[in-house]
């Protein structure tokens, strides 16, 4: 149970810290400087924690198996981080900006899940999407 629940708790808690930090980054700080410090901090933490993750191969040996997706993920992370920082600087509220972005994201991931990952999509999920769209309209009025 803990193995199932812990990742979601980690995501939620990390997202809370993430959005508070993004919203609290001073306007006068160059966003690229701020993100560079964030990435350096993350790189140091990964360098420290990485060797403790148990796999068949040692930490440095595992770099030979890194896939193109790691590079693409890095590009996506920069876009994600910069997008939220600029959204908050543009005046989005912390309570609304993330909600709007995540609802749109969830809706856009549906066809990708169906087409590329063979995920199902039931009638009750269609109703959920309709509620999300209605919610987007209401929250932005």
Protein backbone atom coordinates (compact mmCIF):
# COMPACT_ATOMS: atom_id res chain seq x y z
CA UNK A 1 0.00 0.00 0.00
CA UNK A 2 2.76 2.45 0.93
CA UNK A 3 4.55 1.70 -2.35
CA UNK A 4 1.33 2.66 -4.17
CA UNK A 5 0.41 5.77 -2.14
CA UNK A 6 3.85 7.24 -1.45
CA UNK A 7 4.54 8.43 -5.04
CA UNK A 8 1.24 10.34 -5.15
CA UNK A 9 1.91 11.94 -1.76
CA UNK A 10 5.40 12.89 -2.98
CA UNK A 11 3.95 14.41 -6.16
CA UNK A 12 1.35 16.43 -4.27
CA UNK A 13 3.75 17.69 -1.59
CA UNK A 14 6.43 18.52 -4.16
CA UNK A 15 3.88 20.32 -6.33
CA UNK A 16 2.79 22.46 -3.38
CA UNK A 17 6.40 23.50 -2.72
CA UNK A 18 6.98 23.91 -6.46
CA UNK A 19 4.06 26.31 -7.02
CA UNK A 20 4.72 28.32 -3.86
CA UNK A 21 8.37 28.74 -4.91
CA UNK A 22 7.45 29.64 -8.50
CA UNK A 23 4.87 32.20 -7.34
CA UNK A 24 7.33 33.62 -4.77
CA UNK A 25 10.30 34.05 -7.13
CA UNK A 26 11.01 37.80 -7.24
CA UNK A 27 9.96 39.63 -10.42
CA UNK A 28 13.39 41.23 -10.83
CA UNK A 29 15.25 37.90 -10.98
CA UNK A 30 16.11 36.70 -14.48
CA UNK A 31 14.01 33.56 -14.90
CA UNK A 32 16.89 31.70 -16.54
CA UNK A 33 19.21 32.48 -13.62
CA UNK A 34 16.59 31.29 -11.16
CA UNK A 35 16.02 28.08 -13.13
CA UNK A 36 19.75 27.44 -13.49
CA UNK A 37 20.15 27.52 -9.69
CA UNK A 38 17.13 25.20 -9.39
CA UNK A 39 18.63 22.73 -11.88
CA UNK A 40 22.05 22.84 -10.23
CA UNK A 41 20.39 22.07 -6.91
CA UNK A 42 18.46 19.19 -8.51
CA UNK A 43 21.62 17.86 -10.18
CA UNK A 44 23.51 17.88 -6.88
CA UNK A 45 20.64 16.07 -5.14
CA UNK A 46 20.45 13.47 -7.95
CA UNK A 47 24.22 12.96 -7.77
CA UNK A 48 23.96 12.33 -4.03
CA UNK A 49 20.80 10.19 -4.09
CA UNK A 50 21.39 8.29 -7.35
CA UNK A 51 23.95 5.81 -6.02
CA UNK A 52 21.54 4.73 -3.27
CA UNK A 53 18.85 3.53 -5.70
CA UNK A 54 19.30 -0.23 -5.97
CA UNK A 55 19.48 -1.71 -9.48
CA UNK A 56 21.41 -4.49 -11.18
CA UNK A 57 24.01 -2.00 -12.43
CA UNK A 58 26.04 0.53 -10.54
CA UNK A 59 25.08 4.19 -10.82
CA UNK A 60 27.70 5.24 -13.37
CA UNK A 61 27.16 2.09 -15.46
CA UNK A 62 23.47 2.92 -15.81
CA UNK A 63 24.28 6.02 -17.89
CA UNK A 64 24.94 3.74 -20.87
CA UNK A 65 21.23 2.87 -20.90
CA UNK A 66 19.95 6.44 -20.88
CA UNK A 67 17.41 6.92 -23.65
CA UNK A 68 16.55 9.91 -25.86
CA UNK A 69 13.54 10.44 -23.59
CA UNK A 70 15.83 11.81 -20.87
CA UNK A 71 16.93 14.62 -23.18
CA UNK A 72 13.36 15.29 -24.33
CA UNK A 73 12.25 15.32 -20.70
CA UNK A 74 14.92 17.92 -19.94
CA UNK A 75 13.57 20.14 -22.71
CA UNK A 76 10.01 19.64 -21.44
CA UNK A 77 11.05 20.48 -17.87
CA UNK A 78 12.58 23.77 -19.01
CA UNK A 79 9.35 24.62 -20.83
CA UNK A 80 7.26 23.64 -17.83
CA UNK A 81 9.33 25.60 -15.33
CA UNK A 82 9.59 28.68 -17.53
CA UNK A 83 5.90 28.52 -18.42
CA UNK A 84 4.74 28.51 -14.80
CA UNK A 85 7.20 31.22 -13.79
CA UNK A 86 6.04 33.46 -16.64
CA UNK A 87 2.37 32.66 -15.98
CA UNK A 88 2.68 33.75 -12.35
CA UNK A 89 4.57 36.87 -13.39
CA UNK A 90 1.80 37.62 -15.89
CA UNK A 91 -0.69 37.66 -13.01
CA UNK A 92 -2.17 34.16 -12.82
CA UNK A 93 -3.30 33.28 -9.31
CA UNK A 94 -1.59 30.27 -7.75
CA UNK A 95 -5.01 28.74 -7.08
CA UNK A 96 -6.21 29.10 -10.68
CA UNK A 97 -3.18 28.98 -13.00
CA UNK A 98 -2.12 25.47 -12.05
CA UNK A 99 -5.70 24.21 -12.10
CA UNK A 100 -6.36 25.57 -15.59
CA UNK A 101 -3.07 24.22 -16.94
CA UNK A 102 -3.58 20.78 -15.40
CA UNK A 103 -7.17 20.41 -16.59
CA UNK A 104 -6.15 21.31 -20.14
CA UNK A 105 -3.17 18.96 -19.84
CA UNK A 106 -5.32 16.07 -18.63
CA UNK A 107 -7.79 16.56 -21.48
CA UNK A 108 -4.99 16.72 -24.07
CA UNK A 109 -3.38 13.54 -22.70
CA UNK A 110 -6.55 11.50 -23.26
CA UNK A 111 -6.07 10.96 -27.01
CA UNK A 112 -2.36 10.27 -26.49
CA UNK A 113 -3.17 7.62 -23.90
CA UNK A 114 -5.73 6.02 -26.19
CA UNK A 115 -3.66 6.12 -29.39
CA UNK A 116 -0.14 5.42 -28.18
CA UNK A 117 -0.56 3.53 -24.92
CA UNK A 118 -3.76 1.59 -25.69
CA UNK A 119 -5.53 2.93 -22.61
CA UNK A 120 -9.27 2.63 -22.38
CA UNK A 121 -11.69 5.52 -22.01
CA UNK A 122 -15.12 4.79 -20.56
CA UNK A 123 -18.37 6.74 -20.68
CA UNK A 124 -18.01 7.96 -17.10
CA UNK A 125 -14.63 9.46 -18.05
CA UNK A 126 -16.28 11.33 -20.93
CA UNK A 127 -18.72 12.79 -18.39
CA UNK A 128 -15.71 13.77 -16.25
CA UNK A 129 -14.15 15.60 -19.20
CA UNK A 130 -17.41 17.49 -19.77
CA UNK A 131 -17.39 18.56 -16.10
CA UNK A 132 -13.76 19.66 -16.45
CA UNK A 133 -14.61 21.78 -19.49
CA UNK A 134 -17.56 23.33 -17.68
CA UNK A 135 -15.27 23.96 -14.71
CA UNK A 136 -12.71 25.68 -16.95
CA UNK A 137 -15.41 28.01 -18.27
CA UNK A 138 -16.72 28.78 -14.78
CA UNK A 139 -13.31 29.31 -13.15
CA UNK A 140 -12.23 31.78 -15.83
CA UNK A 141 -15.39 33.95 -15.67
